[in-house]
Protein backbone atom coordinates (compact mmCIF):
# COMPACT_ATOMS: atom_id res chain seq x y z
CA UNK A 1 -1.38 -12.33 -8.27
CA UNK A 2 -3.22 -10.36 -5.59
CA UNK A 3 -5.08 -7.12 -6.28
CA UNK A 4 -5.40 -4.70 -3.38
CA UNK A 5 -7.51 -1.56 -3.29
CA UNK A 6 -7.23 1.20 -0.71
CA UNK A 7 -10.31 3.08 -1.88
CA UNK A 8 -12.14 2.55 1.40
CA UNK A 9 -11.15 2.79 5.04
CA UNK A 10 -11.69 -0.94 5.46
CA UNK A 11 -8.94 -3.50 5.24
CA UNK A 12 -8.16 -6.33 2.85
CA UNK A 13 -6.44 -9.56 3.85
CA UNK A 14 -5.18 -12.32 1.60
CA UNK A 15 -3.34 -15.45 2.64
CA UNK A 16 -1.07 -17.01 0.02
CA UNK A 17 0.93 -20.05 0.95
CA UNK A 18 2.52 -18.97 4.27
CA UNK A 19 2.34 -15.19 3.82
CA UNK A 20 -0.45 -12.91 4.99
CA UNK A 21 -0.89 -9.67 3.04
CA UNK A 22 -2.89 -6.83 4.58
CA UNK A 23 -3.91 -3.54 2.92
CA UNK A 24 -5.36 -1.00 5.32
CA UNK A 25 -4.80 2.40 6.85
CA UNK A 26 -3.17 3.06 10.21
CA UNK A 27 -3.05 5.91 12.64
CA UNK A 28 -5.86 7.65 14.46
CA UNK A 29 -6.88 9.73 11.44
CA UNK A 30 -6.45 6.93 8.90
CA UNK A 31 -4.01 9.09 6.94
CA UNK A 32 -1.32 6.39 6.60
CA UNK A 33 -2.30 3.83 3.93
CA UNK A 34 -0.13 0.73 4.01
CA UNK A 35 0.42 -2.72 2.55
CA UNK A 36 1.89 -5.06 5.11
CA UNK A 37 3.50 -8.46 4.78
CA UNK A 38 5.63 -9.57 7.67
CA UNK A 39 8.49 -8.65 7.85
CA UNK A 40 7.98 -6.06 5.05
CA UNK A 41 5.92 -2.89 5.48
CA UNK A 42 5.56 0.08 3.16
CA UNK A 43 7.42 3.18 4.28
CA UNK A 44 5.41 5.31 6.67
CA UNK A 45 4.39 8.84 5.62
CA UNK A 46 5.23 8.36 1.95
CA UNK A 47 2.73 10.73 0.28
CA UNK A 48 3.32 9.24 -3.18
CA UNK A 49 2.62 5.62 -2.23
CA UNK A 50 -0.48 4.51 -4.18
CA UNK A 51 -1.55 8.13 -4.63
CA UNK A 52 -1.13 10.29 -7.68
CA UNK A 53 -2.55 13.39 -9.26
CA UNK A 54 -5.38 12.39 -11.55
CA UNK A 55 -4.22 13.38 -15.03
CA UNK A 56 -7.59 12.39 -16.47
CA UNK A 57 -9.11 15.33 -14.54
CA UNK A 58 -6.23 17.77 -15.06
CA UNK A 59 -8.57 20.66 -16.03
CA UNK A 60 -10.75 20.26 -12.91
CA UNK A 61 -8.09 21.19 -10.36
CA UNK A 62 -5.53 19.09 -8.52
CA UNK A 63 -7.14 16.07 -6.92
CA UNK A 64 -5.34 13.07 -5.40
CA UNK A 65 -6.84 9.63 -5.97
CA UNK A 66 -5.88 6.35 -4.34
CA UNK A 67 -4.91 3.72 -6.87
CA UNK A 68 -4.89 -0.07 -6.95
CA UNK A 69 -1.76 -2.12 -6.24
CA UNK A 70 -0.73 -5.44 -7.70
CA UNK A 71 1.25 -7.69 -5.37
CA UNK A 72 2.75 -10.94 -6.63
CA UNK A 73 2.37 -13.87 -4.24
CA UNK A 74 6.06 -14.84 -4.44
CA UNK A 75 7.44 -11.29 -4.36
CA UNK A 76 9.93 -10.92 -1.49
CA UNK A 77 9.78 -7.15 -1.47
CA UNK A 78 11.36 -4.12 -3.00
CA UNK A 79 14.93 -2.88 -2.86
CA UNK A 80 17.43 -4.54 -0.57
CA UNK A 81 17.21 -1.66 1.91
CA UNK A 82 13.84 -3.02 3.09
CA UNK A 83 15.05 -6.54 3.83
CA UNK A 84 17.04 -5.65 6.96
CA UNK A 85 14.76 -2.86 8.15
CA UNK A 86 13.06 -3.46 11.50
CA UNK A 87 9.36 -2.74 11.84
CA UNK A 88 8.50 0.18 14.16
């Protein structure tokens, strides 16, 4: 099990067996958080990916917080639509 946090603008790398997992942000402004494992990459410009409205602060206004992801070392990826998708 690998725990990845996107709370900072830094990056996180973890090598498990023959796969390299990277959690970072891309783009000039750093507005595109991603988890990357070749040949799988999270969808670009998905505003809900690892972000959610903080229900614990619901009375303080709407604030978006980055969350922590759990990635299993032997997980081959999500739905089948990602398996044949080419990286940009």
